[in-house]
Amino acid sequence: MIERISIFKIMGKQFRNIILDLGGVLFDVDYHRTLDDFRVLGVQNIDEKYSKLSQNHVFDDLETGKISQMQFRDQVRSWIPEPDLSDDMIDDAWNAMLIGLQEEAIRMVESLSKEYRLFLLSNTNAFHLPKLKEMEASFDRLEALFECCYYSHQIGRRKPHPSTFTYVLEENGLKAGESLFVDDSPQHIEGALKAGIPSFHHKDEGPLIAFDKALQEYRLPT
């Protein structure tokens, strides 16, 4: 049974650390744009291969650095009856989900950094991370507000596996009960809860720019 509580003052005193997701929490994304673009390219049954809630092992392998960018492109081509696609066409479709970073999100993180130890934990890949930095001149400023940024393709592990959260805790000497995890994907929330980390599921579309919501409504591990 997951307990839902709403105790701002107690929570503000209790938690020392905040682990934030990137896409859908700080950086706006739209997965449907990538799905639509892949359909235009002729990718067969893309909805069965990729979604916010689940994905084909190819995407998992890309996000944990097990396959290269070229291997990913070749896999996409294998899903198309007539795979006459350039690298740029595939890259553009895959990156289409990336919308942008809101200045309000940076200001929120700046404010949090004065009171909490902050960590970024993102499932991403060798396509998206460089594109994010190319799109947003202020991305480096955002990264600098975190003690450490953990990107799945660089650390070889991804959410929602509980061991991924345990890795971040152990790397930084954090206690699970003193940490809060914020993410927009329910399966990632469940993974954090299994690792003993209180969590907030950000359900609204777009970046989280009013952190009071997470401080007032969160879930405790059973």
N, C-alpha and C. Protein backbone atom coordinates (compact mmCIF):
# COMPACT_ATOMS: atom_id res chain seq x y z
N MET A 1 0.86 -1.19 0.00
CA MET A 1 0.00 0.00 0.00
C MET A 1 0.90 1.24 0.00
N ILE A 2 0.77 2.10 -1.01
CA ILE A 2 1.55 3.32 -1.08
C ILE A 2 0.80 4.43 -0.35
N GLU A 3 1.46 5.05 0.60
CA GLU A 3 0.83 6.12 1.36
C GLU A 3 1.03 7.45 0.65
N ARG A 4 -0.04 8.24 0.54
CA ARG A 4 0.06 9.58 -0.02
C ARG A 4 -0.08 10.56 1.13
N ILE A 5 0.87 11.45 1.26
CA ILE A 5 0.82 12.41 2.35
C ILE A 5 1.07 13.81 1.80
N SER A 6 0.75 14.80 2.59
CA SER A 6 0.88 16.17 2.15
C SER A 6 1.35 17.00 3.34
N ILE A 7 2.67 16.92 3.62
CA ILE A 7 3.22 17.60 4.80
C ILE A 7 4.45 18.39 4.37
N PHE A 8 4.22 19.59 3.93
CA PHE A 8 5.30 20.41 3.36
C PHE A 8 6.43 20.66 4.36
N LYS A 9 6.10 21.09 5.58
CA LYS A 9 7.13 21.47 6.53
C LYS A 9 7.99 20.28 6.95
N ILE A 10 7.33 19.15 7.23
CA ILE A 10 8.09 17.97 7.63
C ILE A 10 9.00 17.53 6.50
N MET A 11 8.45 17.55 5.29
CA MET A 11 9.24 17.11 4.16
C MET A 11 10.42 18.03 3.91
N GLY A 12 10.19 19.32 4.02
CA GLY A 12 11.26 20.28 3.80
C GLY A 12 12.43 20.08 4.74
N LYS A 13 12.15 19.62 5.94
CA LYS A 13 13.20 19.39 6.93
C LYS A 13 13.83 18.02 6.76
N GLN A 14 13.02 17.07 6.31
CA GLN A 14 13.47 15.68 6.25
C GLN A 14 14.43 15.42 5.11
N PHE A 15 14.11 15.92 3.91
CA PHE A 15 14.90 15.57 2.75
C PHE A 15 16.10 16.48 2.56
N ARG A 16 17.22 15.84 2.27
CA ARG A 16 18.47 16.57 2.04
C ARG A 16 18.85 16.55 0.56
N ASN A 17 18.34 15.57 -0.17
CA ASN A 17 18.78 15.34 -1.54
C ASN A 17 17.58 15.23 -2.47
N ILE A 18 17.74 15.73 -3.70
CA ILE A 18 16.70 15.60 -4.72
C ILE A 18 17.34 15.06 -5.99
N ILE A 19 16.75 13.99 -6.51
CA ILE A 19 17.21 13.39 -7.76
C ILE A 19 16.15 13.69 -8.82
N LEU A 20 16.52 14.45 -9.82
CA LEU A 20 15.57 14.91 -10.83
C LEU A 20 15.78 14.20 -12.17
N ASP A 21 14.68 13.87 -12.79
CA ASP A 21 14.70 13.42 -14.18
C ASP A 21 14.90 14.66 -15.06
N LEU A 22 15.23 14.44 -16.34
CA LEU A 22 15.43 15.55 -17.26
C LEU A 22 14.24 15.72 -18.21
N GLY A 23 14.08 14.79 -19.15
CA GLY A 23 13.01 14.91 -20.12
C GLY A 23 11.64 14.75 -19.51
N GLY A 24 10.77 15.74 -19.72
CA GLY A 24 9.43 15.72 -19.16
C GLY A 24 9.33 16.34 -17.79
N VAL A 25 10.46 16.63 -17.18
CA VAL A 25 10.48 17.29 -15.87
C VAL A 25 11.14 18.66 -15.98
N LEU A 26 12.31 18.72 -16.59
CA LEU A 26 13.01 19.98 -16.78
C LEU A 26 13.05 20.39 -18.26
N PHE A 27 13.10 19.39 -19.12
CA PHE A 27 13.18 19.65 -20.56
C PHE A 27 11.91 19.09 -21.20
N ASP A 28 11.23 19.90 -21.98
CA ASP A 28 9.97 19.49 -22.57
C ASP A 28 10.21 18.52 -23.73
N VAL A 29 9.46 17.42 -23.74
CA VAL A 29 9.57 16.44 -24.81
C VAL A 29 8.17 16.05 -25.29
N ASP A 30 8.10 15.59 -26.52
CA ASP A 30 6.85 15.11 -27.10
C ASP A 30 7.15 13.85 -27.89
N TYR A 31 6.93 12.69 -27.25
CA TYR A 31 7.25 11.41 -27.87
C TYR A 31 6.47 11.18 -29.16
N HIS A 32 5.28 11.76 -29.25
CA HIS A 32 4.42 11.55 -30.42
C HIS A 32 5.05 12.13 -31.69
N ARG A 33 5.85 13.16 -31.53
CA ARG A 33 6.51 13.74 -32.71
C ARG A 33 7.48 12.74 -33.34
N THR A 34 8.21 12.03 -32.50
CA THR A 34 9.12 11.02 -33.03
C THR A 34 8.35 9.85 -33.63
N LEU A 35 7.28 9.42 -32.97
CA LEU A 35 6.47 8.33 -33.52
C LEU A 35 5.91 8.72 -34.89
N ASP A 36 5.40 9.93 -34.98
CA ASP A 36 4.84 10.40 -36.26
C ASP A 36 5.91 10.43 -37.35
N ASP A 37 7.09 10.92 -37.00
CA ASP A 37 8.15 11.01 -38.00
C ASP A 37 8.64 9.63 -38.44
N PHE A 38 8.71 8.69 -37.50
CA PHE A 38 9.10 7.32 -37.87
C PHE A 38 8.05 6.69 -38.79
N ARG A 39 6.78 6.98 -38.53
CA ARG A 39 5.73 6.46 -39.41
C ARG A 39 5.90 7.00 -40.83
N VAL A 40 6.19 8.29 -40.94
CA VAL A 40 6.40 8.91 -42.25
C VAL A 40 7.57 8.23 -42.98
N LEU A 41 8.59 7.84 -42.21
CA LEU A 41 9.75 7.17 -42.82
C LEU A 41 9.43 5.74 -43.22
N GLY A 42 8.32 5.21 -42.71
CA GLY A 42 7.92 3.86 -43.08
C GLY A 42 8.23 2.79 -42.07
N VAL A 43 8.59 3.19 -40.84
CA VAL A 43 8.87 2.21 -39.79
C VAL A 43 7.60 1.44 -39.46
N GLN A 44 7.69 0.12 -39.47
CA GLN A 44 6.54 -0.74 -39.25
C GLN A 44 6.21 -0.86 -37.75
N ASN A 45 4.94 -0.68 -37.40
CA ASN A 45 4.44 -0.90 -36.03
C ASN A 45 5.29 -0.18 -34.98
N ILE A 46 5.59 1.08 -35.21
CA ILE A 46 6.45 1.82 -34.28
C ILE A 46 5.85 1.90 -32.88
N ASP A 47 4.50 1.93 -32.78
CA ASP A 47 3.88 2.00 -31.46
C ASP A 47 4.18 0.78 -30.61
N GLU A 48 4.42 -0.35 -31.26
CA GLU A 48 4.76 -1.57 -30.52
C GLU A 48 6.23 -1.60 -30.14
N LYS A 49 7.01 -0.78 -30.78
CA LYS A 49 8.45 -0.78 -30.53
C LYS A 49 8.88 0.29 -29.54
N TYR A 50 8.14 1.41 -29.51
CA TYR A 50 8.59 2.52 -28.66
C TYR A 50 7.41 3.31 -28.13
N SER A 51 7.43 3.56 -26.82
CA SER A 51 6.44 4.43 -26.17
C SER A 51 7.06 4.95 -24.88
N LYS A 52 6.34 5.82 -24.23
CA LYS A 52 6.83 6.37 -22.97
C LYS A 52 6.90 5.31 -21.89
N LEU A 53 6.02 4.31 -21.95
CA LEU A 53 5.91 3.31 -20.90
C LEU A 53 6.78 2.09 -21.15
N SER A 54 7.03 1.77 -22.40
CA SER A 54 7.83 0.57 -22.71
C SER A 54 8.49 0.74 -24.06
N GLN A 55 9.52 -0.07 -24.31
CA GLN A 55 10.22 0.06 -25.58
C GLN A 55 10.97 -1.21 -25.93
N ASN A 56 11.23 -1.37 -27.21
CA ASN A 56 11.99 -2.47 -27.76
C ASN A 56 13.41 -2.47 -27.17
N HIS A 57 14.02 -3.66 -27.11
CA HIS A 57 15.36 -3.77 -26.53
C HIS A 57 16.39 -2.92 -27.26
N VAL A 58 16.12 -2.60 -28.53
CA VAL A 58 17.06 -1.76 -29.29
C VAL A 58 17.22 -0.40 -28.63
N PHE A 59 16.11 0.17 -28.17
CA PHE A 59 16.16 1.47 -27.51
C PHE A 59 16.83 1.36 -26.14
N ASP A 60 16.58 0.24 -25.45
CA ASP A 60 17.26 0.00 -24.17
C ASP A 60 18.77 -0.07 -24.39
N ASP A 61 19.17 -0.80 -25.44
CA ASP A 61 20.60 -0.96 -25.72
C ASP A 61 21.25 0.38 -26.08
N LEU A 62 20.51 1.21 -26.81
CA LEU A 62 21.03 2.53 -27.14
C LEU A 62 21.19 3.38 -25.88
N GLU A 63 20.22 3.30 -24.99
CA GLU A 63 20.24 4.13 -23.78
C GLU A 63 21.24 3.64 -22.74
N THR A 64 21.75 2.43 -22.89
CA THR A 64 22.79 1.95 -21.97
C THR A 64 24.14 1.85 -22.66
N GLY A 65 24.24 2.39 -23.86
CA GLY A 65 25.51 2.44 -24.56
C GLY A 65 25.99 1.10 -25.08
N LYS A 66 25.08 0.13 -25.21
CA LYS A 66 25.47 -1.21 -25.68
C LYS A 66 25.58 -1.28 -27.20
N ILE A 67 24.92 -0.37 -27.89
CA ILE A 67 25.04 -0.32 -29.35
C ILE A 67 25.45 1.09 -29.75
N SER A 68 26.08 1.19 -30.90
CA SER A 68 26.54 2.49 -31.41
C SER A 68 25.41 3.21 -32.13
N GLN A 69 25.65 4.45 -32.48
CA GLN A 69 24.67 5.20 -33.25
C GLN A 69 24.43 4.55 -34.61
N MET A 70 25.49 4.08 -35.25
CA MET A 70 25.32 3.44 -36.54
C MET A 70 24.53 2.14 -36.42
N GLN A 71 24.78 1.38 -35.38
CA GLN A 71 24.02 0.15 -35.18
C GLN A 71 22.54 0.46 -34.95
N PHE A 72 22.26 1.55 -34.25
CA PHE A 72 20.87 1.94 -34.04
C PHE A 72 20.23 2.31 -35.38
N ARG A 73 20.92 3.09 -36.19
CA ARG A 73 20.37 3.48 -37.49
C ARG A 73 20.10 2.25 -38.36
N ASP A 74 21.02 1.31 -38.34
CA ASP A 74 20.84 0.10 -39.15
C ASP A 74 19.63 -0.69 -38.66
N GLN A 75 19.40 -0.70 -37.36
CA GLN A 75 18.24 -1.40 -36.83
C GLN A 75 16.95 -0.73 -37.30
N VAL A 76 16.93 0.60 -37.28
CA VAL A 76 15.75 1.33 -37.77
C VAL A 76 15.51 0.99 -39.24
N ARG A 77 16.57 0.95 -40.03
CA ARG A 77 16.42 0.61 -41.44
C ARG A 77 15.83 -0.79 -41.63
N SER A 78 16.16 -1.69 -40.70
CA SER A 78 15.66 -3.07 -40.82
C SER A 78 14.17 -3.15 -40.59
N TRP A 79 13.57 -2.10 -40.03
CA TRP A 79 12.13 -2.08 -39.77
C TRP A 79 11.35 -1.48 -40.95
N ILE A 80 12.05 -1.15 -42.00
CA ILE A 80 11.43 -0.47 -43.14
C ILE A 80 11.53 -1.37 -44.38
N PRO A 81 10.43 -1.57 -45.08
CA PRO A 81 10.45 -2.43 -46.27
C PRO A 81 11.49 -2.02 -47.31
N GLU A 82 11.60 -0.73 -47.54
CA GLU A 82 12.60 -0.23 -48.49
C GLU A 82 13.50 0.76 -47.75
N PRO A 83 14.52 0.24 -47.09
CA PRO A 83 15.31 1.04 -46.14
C PRO A 83 16.31 2.00 -46.78
N ASP A 84 15.83 2.83 -47.68
CA ASP A 84 16.71 3.80 -48.34
C ASP A 84 16.64 5.13 -47.58
N LEU A 85 17.17 5.12 -46.37
CA LEU A 85 17.12 6.31 -45.51
C LEU A 85 18.53 6.78 -45.19
N SER A 86 18.71 8.09 -45.23
CA SER A 86 20.01 8.65 -44.85
C SER A 86 20.12 8.68 -43.33
N ASP A 87 21.34 8.81 -42.86
CA ASP A 87 21.57 8.95 -41.41
C ASP A 87 20.82 10.16 -40.87
N ASP A 88 20.86 11.25 -41.61
CA ASP A 88 20.22 12.48 -41.13
C ASP A 88 18.71 12.31 -41.00
N MET A 89 18.10 11.57 -41.89
CA MET A 89 16.65 11.37 -41.82
C MET A 89 16.28 10.61 -40.54
N ILE A 90 17.07 9.61 -40.21
CA ILE A 90 16.81 8.83 -39.00
C ILE A 90 17.10 9.67 -37.76
N ASP A 91 18.22 10.39 -37.78
CA ASP A 91 18.58 11.23 -36.63
C ASP A 91 17.51 12.28 -36.38
N ASP A 92 17.04 12.92 -37.43
CA ASP A 92 16.04 13.97 -37.27
C ASP A 92 14.73 13.42 -36.69
N ALA A 93 14.34 12.24 -37.14
CA ALA A 93 13.11 11.64 -36.62
C ALA A 93 13.27 11.28 -35.14
N TRP A 94 14.40 10.73 -34.79
CA TRP A 94 14.65 10.32 -33.41
C TRP A 94 14.75 11.53 -32.48
N ASN A 95 15.30 12.62 -32.98
CA ASN A 95 15.45 13.83 -32.18
C ASN A 95 14.21 14.72 -32.18
N ALA A 96 13.21 14.36 -32.98
CA ALA A 96 12.03 15.22 -33.12
C ALA A 96 11.28 15.42 -31.81
N MET A 97 11.41 14.49 -30.87
CA MET A 97 10.71 14.58 -29.59
C MET A 97 11.23 15.72 -28.71
N LEU A 98 12.42 16.21 -28.97
CA LEU A 98 13.04 17.22 -28.11
C LEU A 98 12.45 18.59 -28.41
N ILE A 99 11.85 19.21 -27.41
CA ILE A 99 11.16 20.49 -27.60
C ILE A 99 12.01 21.66 -27.11
N GLY A 100 12.32 21.69 -25.82
CA GLY A 100 13.11 22.81 -25.32
C GLY A 100 13.12 22.90 -23.81
N LEU A 101 14.02 23.72 -23.32
CA LEU A 101 14.20 23.97 -21.90
C LEU A 101 13.60 25.32 -21.55
N GLN A 102 12.80 25.37 -20.49
CA GLN A 102 12.19 26.63 -20.08
C GLN A 102 13.05 27.32 -19.02
N GLU A 103 13.19 28.62 -19.15
CA GLU A 103 13.99 29.40 -18.21
C GLU A 103 13.47 29.24 -16.79
N GLU A 104 12.14 29.08 -16.66
CA GLU A 104 11.56 28.91 -15.32
C GLU A 104 12.08 27.64 -14.66
N ALA A 105 12.34 26.60 -15.45
CA ALA A 105 12.86 25.36 -14.89
C ALA A 105 14.26 25.57 -14.33
N ILE A 106 15.08 26.35 -15.04
CA ILE A 106 16.43 26.63 -14.55
C ILE A 106 16.36 27.42 -13.25
N ARG A 107 15.48 28.39 -13.21
CA ARG A 107 15.35 29.20 -11.98
C ARG A 107 14.90 28.34 -10.81
N MET A 108 14.02 27.37 -11.07
CA MET A 108 13.57 26.48 -10.01
C MET A 108 14.75 25.66 -9.48
N VAL A 109 15.56 25.12 -10.39
CA VAL A 109 16.71 24.32 -9.97
C VAL A 109 17.72 25.19 -9.22
N GLU A 110 17.91 26.42 -9.67
CA GLU A 110 18.81 27.33 -8.97
C GLU A 110 18.36 27.54 -7.53
N SER A 111 17.06 27.71 -7.35
CA SER A 111 16.52 27.90 -6.01
C SER A 111 16.70 26.65 -5.15
N LEU A 112 16.44 25.48 -5.72
CA LEU A 112 16.59 24.23 -4.98
C LEU A 112 18.03 23.97 -4.59
N SER A 113 18.96 24.37 -5.44
CA SER A 113 20.37 24.10 -5.18
C SER A 113 20.89 24.82 -3.93
N LYS A 114 20.15 25.80 -3.47
CA LYS A 114 20.56 26.53 -2.26
C LYS A 114 20.18 25.78 -0.99
N GLU A 115 19.27 24.81 -1.11
CA GLU A 115 18.78 24.09 0.05
C GLU A 115 19.04 22.59 0.03
N TYR A 116 19.22 22.03 -1.17
CA TYR A 116 19.34 20.58 -1.29
C TYR A 116 20.57 20.20 -2.11
N ARG A 117 21.03 18.96 -1.90
CA ARG A 117 22.01 18.38 -2.81
C ARG A 117 21.22 17.87 -4.01
N LEU A 118 21.62 18.27 -5.19
CA LEU A 118 20.86 17.95 -6.39
C LEU A 118 21.63 17.01 -7.31
N PHE A 119 20.88 16.05 -7.89
CA PHE A 119 21.45 15.09 -8.83
C PHE A 119 20.49 14.92 -10.00
N LEU A 120 21.05 14.76 -11.18
CA LEU A 120 20.25 14.55 -12.38
C LEU A 120 20.41 13.10 -12.80
N LEU A 121 19.29 12.43 -13.07
CA LEU A 121 19.33 11.03 -13.50
C LEU A 121 18.41 10.89 -14.71
N SER A 122 19.00 10.65 -15.88
CA SER A 122 18.23 10.67 -17.12
C SER A 122 18.52 9.45 -17.98
N ASN A 123 17.45 8.83 -18.49
CA ASN A 123 17.61 7.85 -19.56
C ASN A 123 17.75 8.63 -20.86
N THR A 124 18.93 8.60 -21.42
CA THR A 124 19.16 9.34 -22.66
C THR A 124 20.14 8.56 -23.52
N ASN A 125 20.68 9.17 -24.53
CA ASN A 125 21.51 8.43 -25.48
C ASN A 125 22.45 9.37 -26.22
N ALA A 126 23.30 8.77 -27.04
CA ALA A 126 24.34 9.53 -27.73
C ALA A 126 23.80 10.44 -28.83
N PHE A 127 22.52 10.31 -29.18
CA PHE A 127 21.88 11.24 -30.10
C PHE A 127 21.31 12.43 -29.34
N HIS A 128 20.54 12.15 -28.32
CA HIS A 128 19.76 13.19 -27.65
C HIS A 128 20.61 14.17 -26.83
N LEU A 129 21.56 13.67 -26.08
CA LEU A 129 22.32 14.57 -25.21
C LEU A 129 23.07 15.65 -26.00
N PRO A 130 23.81 15.31 -27.05
CA PRO A 130 24.46 16.37 -27.83
C PRO A 130 23.45 17.33 -28.47
N LYS A 131 22.30 16.79 -28.90
CA LYS A 131 21.28 17.63 -29.52
C LYS A 131 20.70 18.61 -28.50
N LEU A 132 20.49 18.15 -27.26
CA LEU A 132 20.00 19.03 -26.21
C LEU A 132 20.94 20.22 -26.01
N LYS A 133 22.21 19.90 -25.97
CA LYS A 133 23.21 20.95 -25.73
C LYS A 133 23.31 21.89 -26.93
N GLU A 134 23.10 21.34 -28.11
CA GLU A 134 23.11 22.18 -29.32
C GLU A 134 21.91 23.11 -29.33
N MET A 135 20.76 22.62 -28.89
CA MET A 135 19.53 23.40 -28.91
C MET A 135 19.51 24.51 -27.87
N GLU A 136 20.11 24.24 -26.72
CA GLU A 136 19.98 25.14 -25.57
C GLU A 136 21.33 25.66 -25.09
N ALA A 137 21.56 26.94 -25.30
CA ALA A 137 22.81 27.55 -24.84
C ALA A 137 22.92 27.52 -23.32
N SER A 138 21.77 27.47 -22.64
CA SER A 138 21.76 27.50 -21.18
C SER A 138 21.85 26.11 -20.56
N PHE A 139 22.01 25.06 -21.39
CA PHE A 139 22.04 23.71 -20.84
C PHE A 139 23.24 23.49 -19.93
N ASP A 140 24.39 24.05 -20.30
CA ASP A 140 25.58 23.91 -19.45
C ASP A 140 25.34 24.56 -18.09
N ARG A 141 24.63 25.67 -18.09
CA ARG A 141 24.31 26.35 -16.82
C ARG A 141 23.41 25.47 -15.95
N LEU A 142 22.48 24.76 -16.59
CA LEU A 142 21.62 23.86 -15.85
C LEU A 142 22.43 22.71 -15.25
N GLU A 143 23.28 22.09 -16.06
CA GLU A 143 24.09 20.97 -15.56
C GLU A 143 24.95 21.37 -14.37
N ALA A 144 25.47 22.60 -14.40
CA ALA A 144 26.37 23.06 -13.35
C ALA A 144 25.68 23.18 -11.99
N LEU A 145 24.35 23.19 -11.97
CA LEU A 145 23.61 23.31 -10.72
C LEU A 145 23.52 21.97 -9.98
N PHE A 146 23.88 20.88 -10.64
CA PHE A 146 23.83 19.56 -10.03
C PHE A 146 25.21 19.12 -9.58
N GLU A 147 25.26 18.39 -8.46
CA GLU A 147 26.54 17.83 -8.03
C GLU A 147 27.06 16.85 -9.07
N CYS A 148 26.14 16.07 -9.63
CA CYS A 148 26.54 15.12 -10.65
C CYS A 148 25.35 14.85 -11.56
N CYS A 149 25.63 14.69 -12.86
CA CYS A 149 24.59 14.36 -13.83
C CYS A 149 24.84 12.94 -14.32
N TYR A 150 23.86 12.08 -14.14
CA TYR A 150 23.97 10.68 -14.55
C TYR A 150 23.12 10.45 -15.79
N TYR A 151 23.80 10.11 -16.89
CA TYR A 151 23.13 9.83 -18.14
C TYR A 151 23.28 8.34 -18.45
N SER A 152 22.18 7.68 -18.74
CA SER A 152 22.15 6.23 -18.83
C SER A 152 23.19 5.66 -19.80
N HIS A 153 23.36 6.29 -20.96
CA HIS A 153 24.28 5.73 -21.94
C HIS A 153 25.73 5.88 -21.52
N GLN A 154 25.98 6.76 -20.54
CA GLN A 154 27.34 6.94 -20.04
C GLN A 154 27.65 6.04 -18.86
N ILE A 155 26.64 5.72 -18.06
CA ILE A 155 26.88 4.88 -16.87
C ILE A 155 26.50 3.41 -17.12
N GLY A 156 25.93 3.11 -18.29
CA GLY A 156 25.64 1.73 -18.63
C GLY A 156 24.50 1.12 -17.85
N ARG A 157 23.60 1.94 -17.35
CA ARG A 157 22.43 1.46 -16.61
C ARG A 157 21.33 2.48 -16.74
N ARG A 158 20.08 2.02 -16.61
CA ARG A 158 18.96 2.91 -16.86
C ARG A 158 17.83 2.66 -15.87
N LYS A 159 16.98 3.65 -15.75
CA LYS A 159 15.74 3.49 -15.02
C LYS A 159 14.82 2.59 -15.85
N PRO A 160 13.96 1.78 -15.26
CA PRO A 160 13.52 1.80 -13.86
C PRO A 160 14.21 0.81 -12.95
N HIS A 161 15.32 0.21 -13.37
CA HIS A 161 15.95 -0.81 -12.54
C HIS A 161 16.36 -0.23 -11.18
N PRO A 162 15.93 -0.83 -10.08
CA PRO A 162 16.27 -0.32 -8.75
C PRO A 162 17.78 -0.17 -8.54
N SER A 163 18.57 -1.04 -9.19
CA SER A 163 20.02 -0.96 -9.04
C SER A 163 20.58 0.36 -9.58
N THR A 164 19.87 0.97 -10.54
CA THR A 164 20.31 2.26 -11.07
C THR A 164 20.21 3.33 -9.99
N PHE A 165 19.13 3.30 -9.24
CA PHE A 165 18.95 4.28 -8.15
C PHE A 165 19.94 4.01 -7.02
N THR A 166 20.14 2.74 -6.72
CA THR A 166 21.10 2.37 -5.67
C THR A 166 22.50 2.84 -6.05
N TYR A 167 22.82 2.76 -7.33
CA TYR A 167 24.12 3.21 -7.83
C TYR A 167 24.33 4.69 -7.51
N VAL A 168 23.33 5.51 -7.78
CA VAL A 168 23.43 6.95 -7.51
C VAL A 168 23.57 7.21 -6.01
N LEU A 169 22.80 6.49 -5.21
CA LEU A 169 22.88 6.66 -3.76
C LEU A 169 24.27 6.32 -3.25
N GLU A 170 24.78 5.17 -3.66
CA GLU A 170 26.08 4.70 -3.15
C GLU A 170 27.23 5.56 -3.64
N GLU A 171 27.13 6.03 -4.88
CA GLU A 171 28.19 6.88 -5.44
C GLU A 171 28.36 8.18 -4.66
N ASN A 172 27.30 8.63 -4.01
CA ASN A 172 27.32 9.94 -3.36
C ASN A 172 27.09 9.88 -1.86
N GLY A 173 27.04 8.68 -1.32
CA GLY A 173 26.85 8.54 0.12
C GLY A 173 25.51 9.05 0.59
N LEU A 174 24.46 8.83 -0.22
CA LEU A 174 23.13 9.33 0.10
C LEU A 174 22.30 8.25 0.80
N LYS A 175 21.43 8.67 1.69
CA LYS A 175 20.47 7.76 2.31
C LYS A 175 19.17 7.84 1.52
N ALA A 176 18.61 6.68 1.22
CA ALA A 176 17.38 6.65 0.42
C ALA A 176 16.27 7.46 1.06
N GLY A 177 16.09 7.33 2.37
CA GLY A 177 15.00 8.01 3.06
C GLY A 177 15.15 9.51 3.14
N GLU A 178 16.36 10.01 2.88
CA GLU A 178 16.61 11.45 2.91
C GLU A 178 16.60 12.04 1.50
N SER A 179 16.21 11.23 0.53
CA SER A 179 16.26 11.65 -0.88
C SER A 179 14.86 11.63 -1.49
N LEU A 180 14.63 12.50 -2.44
CA LEU A 180 13.37 12.55 -3.18
C LEU A 180 13.68 12.40 -4.66
N PHE A 181 12.93 11.53 -5.34
CA PHE A 181 13.09 11.33 -6.77
C PHE A 181 11.87 11.89 -7.49
N VAL A 182 12.10 12.63 -8.58
CA VAL A 182 11.02 13.23 -9.36
C VAL A 182 11.14 12.80 -10.82
N ASP A 183 10.06 12.23 -11.37
CA ASP A 183 10.09 11.72 -12.74
C ASP A 183 8.68 11.78 -13.32
N ASP A 184 8.59 11.78 -14.65
CA ASP A 184 7.27 11.82 -15.29
C ASP A 184 6.80 10.45 -15.76
N SER A 185 7.62 9.40 -15.59
CA SER A 185 7.25 8.06 -16.04
C SER A 185 6.91 7.17 -14.84
N PRO A 186 5.72 6.59 -14.81
CA PRO A 186 5.30 5.79 -13.65
C PRO A 186 6.19 4.60 -13.37
N GLN A 187 6.72 3.95 -14.40
CA GLN A 187 7.59 2.79 -14.17
C GLN A 187 8.89 3.19 -13.49
N HIS A 188 9.34 4.41 -13.75
CA HIS A 188 10.56 4.88 -13.09
C HIS A 188 10.29 5.20 -11.61
N ILE A 189 9.11 5.72 -11.35
CA ILE A 189 8.71 5.97 -9.97
C ILE A 189 8.70 4.66 -9.19
N GLU A 190 8.14 3.61 -9.79
CA GLU A 190 8.08 2.32 -9.11
C GLU A 190 9.49 1.77 -8.85
N GLY A 191 10.40 1.98 -9.79
CA GLY A 191 11.78 1.53 -9.59
C GLY A 191 12.45 2.23 -8.43
N ALA A 192 12.22 3.54 -8.32
CA ALA A 192 12.79 4.30 -7.22
C ALA A 192 12.20 3.86 -5.88
N LEU A 193 10.90 3.62 -5.87
CA LEU A 193 10.26 3.17 -4.64
C LEU A 193 10.80 1.82 -4.20
N LYS A 194 11.09 0.94 -5.15
CA LYS A 194 11.67 -0.36 -4.81
C LYS A 194 13.07 -0.19 -4.21
N ALA A 195 13.74 0.89 -4.60
CA ALA A 195 15.07 1.18 -4.04
C ALA A 195 14.97 1.93 -2.71
N GLY A 196 13.74 2.18 -2.26
CA GLY A 196 13.53 2.82 -0.97
C GLY A 196 13.52 4.33 -1.00
N ILE A 197 13.37 4.93 -2.21
CA ILE A 197 13.43 6.38 -2.34
C ILE A 197 12.02 6.96 -2.46
N PRO A 198 11.59 7.85 -1.56
CA PRO A 198 10.32 8.56 -1.73
C PRO A 198 10.31 9.27 -3.07
N SER A 199 9.15 9.28 -3.74
CA SER A 199 9.11 9.76 -5.12
C SER A 199 7.85 10.55 -5.43
N PHE A 200 7.99 11.44 -6.41
CA PHE A 200 6.87 12.23 -6.90
C PHE A 200 6.72 11.99 -8.39
N HIS A 201 5.52 11.61 -8.80
CA HIS A 201 5.23 11.39 -10.21
C HIS A 201 4.68 12.68 -10.82
N HIS A 202 5.48 13.32 -11.65
CA HIS A 202 5.06 14.54 -12.33
C HIS A 202 4.20 14.15 -13.52
N LYS A 203 2.90 14.38 -13.44
CA LYS A 203 1.97 13.91 -14.47
C LYS A 203 1.61 14.98 -15.49
N ASP A 204 1.83 16.24 -15.18
CA ASP A 204 1.46 17.30 -16.11
C ASP A 204 2.42 17.31 -17.29
N GLU A 205 1.90 17.72 -18.45
CA GLU A 205 2.76 17.85 -19.61
C GLU A 205 3.64 19.09 -19.46
N GLY A 206 4.86 18.98 -19.97
CA GLY A 206 5.77 20.11 -19.89
C GLY A 206 6.64 20.06 -18.64
N PRO A 207 7.67 20.90 -18.59
CA PRO A 207 8.60 20.91 -17.47
C PRO A 207 7.93 21.24 -16.15
N LEU A 208 8.45 20.66 -15.08
CA LEU A 208 7.98 20.97 -13.74
C LEU A 208 8.62 22.30 -13.32
N ILE A 209 7.82 23.33 -13.18
CA ILE A 209 8.38 24.64 -12.82
C ILE A 209 7.82 25.16 -11.51
N ALA A 210 6.95 24.35 -10.87
CA ALA A 210 6.42 24.71 -9.56
C ALA A 210 6.69 23.54 -8.63
N PHE A 211 7.85 23.54 -7.99
CA PHE A 211 8.27 22.37 -7.23
C PHE A 211 7.44 22.16 -5.96
N ASP A 212 6.66 23.15 -5.58
CA ASP A 212 5.79 22.98 -4.42
C ASP A 212 4.90 21.74 -4.58
N LYS A 213 4.54 21.41 -5.82
CA LYS A 213 3.70 20.25 -6.07
C LYS A 213 4.37 18.98 -5.56
N ALA A 214 5.64 18.85 -5.87
CA ALA A 214 6.36 17.65 -5.45
C ALA A 214 6.58 17.62 -3.94
N LEU A 215 6.69 18.79 -3.35
CA LEU A 215 6.89 18.85 -1.90
C LEU A 215 5.60 18.55 -1.14
N GLN A 216 4.49 18.72 -1.80
CA GLN A 216 3.21 18.56 -1.11
C GLN A 216 2.54 17.22 -1.41
N GLU A 217 2.99 16.53 -2.43
CA GLU A 217 2.38 15.24 -2.75
C GLU A 217 3.45 14.29 -3.26
N TYR A 218 3.75 13.28 -2.50
CA TYR A 218 4.74 12.33 -2.92
C TYR A 218 4.40 10.96 -2.36
N ARG A 219 5.12 9.94 -2.81
CA ARG A 219 4.82 8.57 -2.43
C ARG A 219 5.98 8.00 -1.64
N LEU A 220 5.62 7.24 -0.62
CA LEU A 220 6.60 6.58 0.22
C LEU A 220 6.72 5.11 -0.15
N PRO A 221 7.93 4.55 -0.06
CA PRO A 221 8.08 3.10 -0.28
C PRO A 221 7.25 2.35 0.75
N THR A 222 6.77 1.16 0.37
CA THR A 222 5.99 0.36 1.33
C THR A 222 6.93 -0.28 2.34
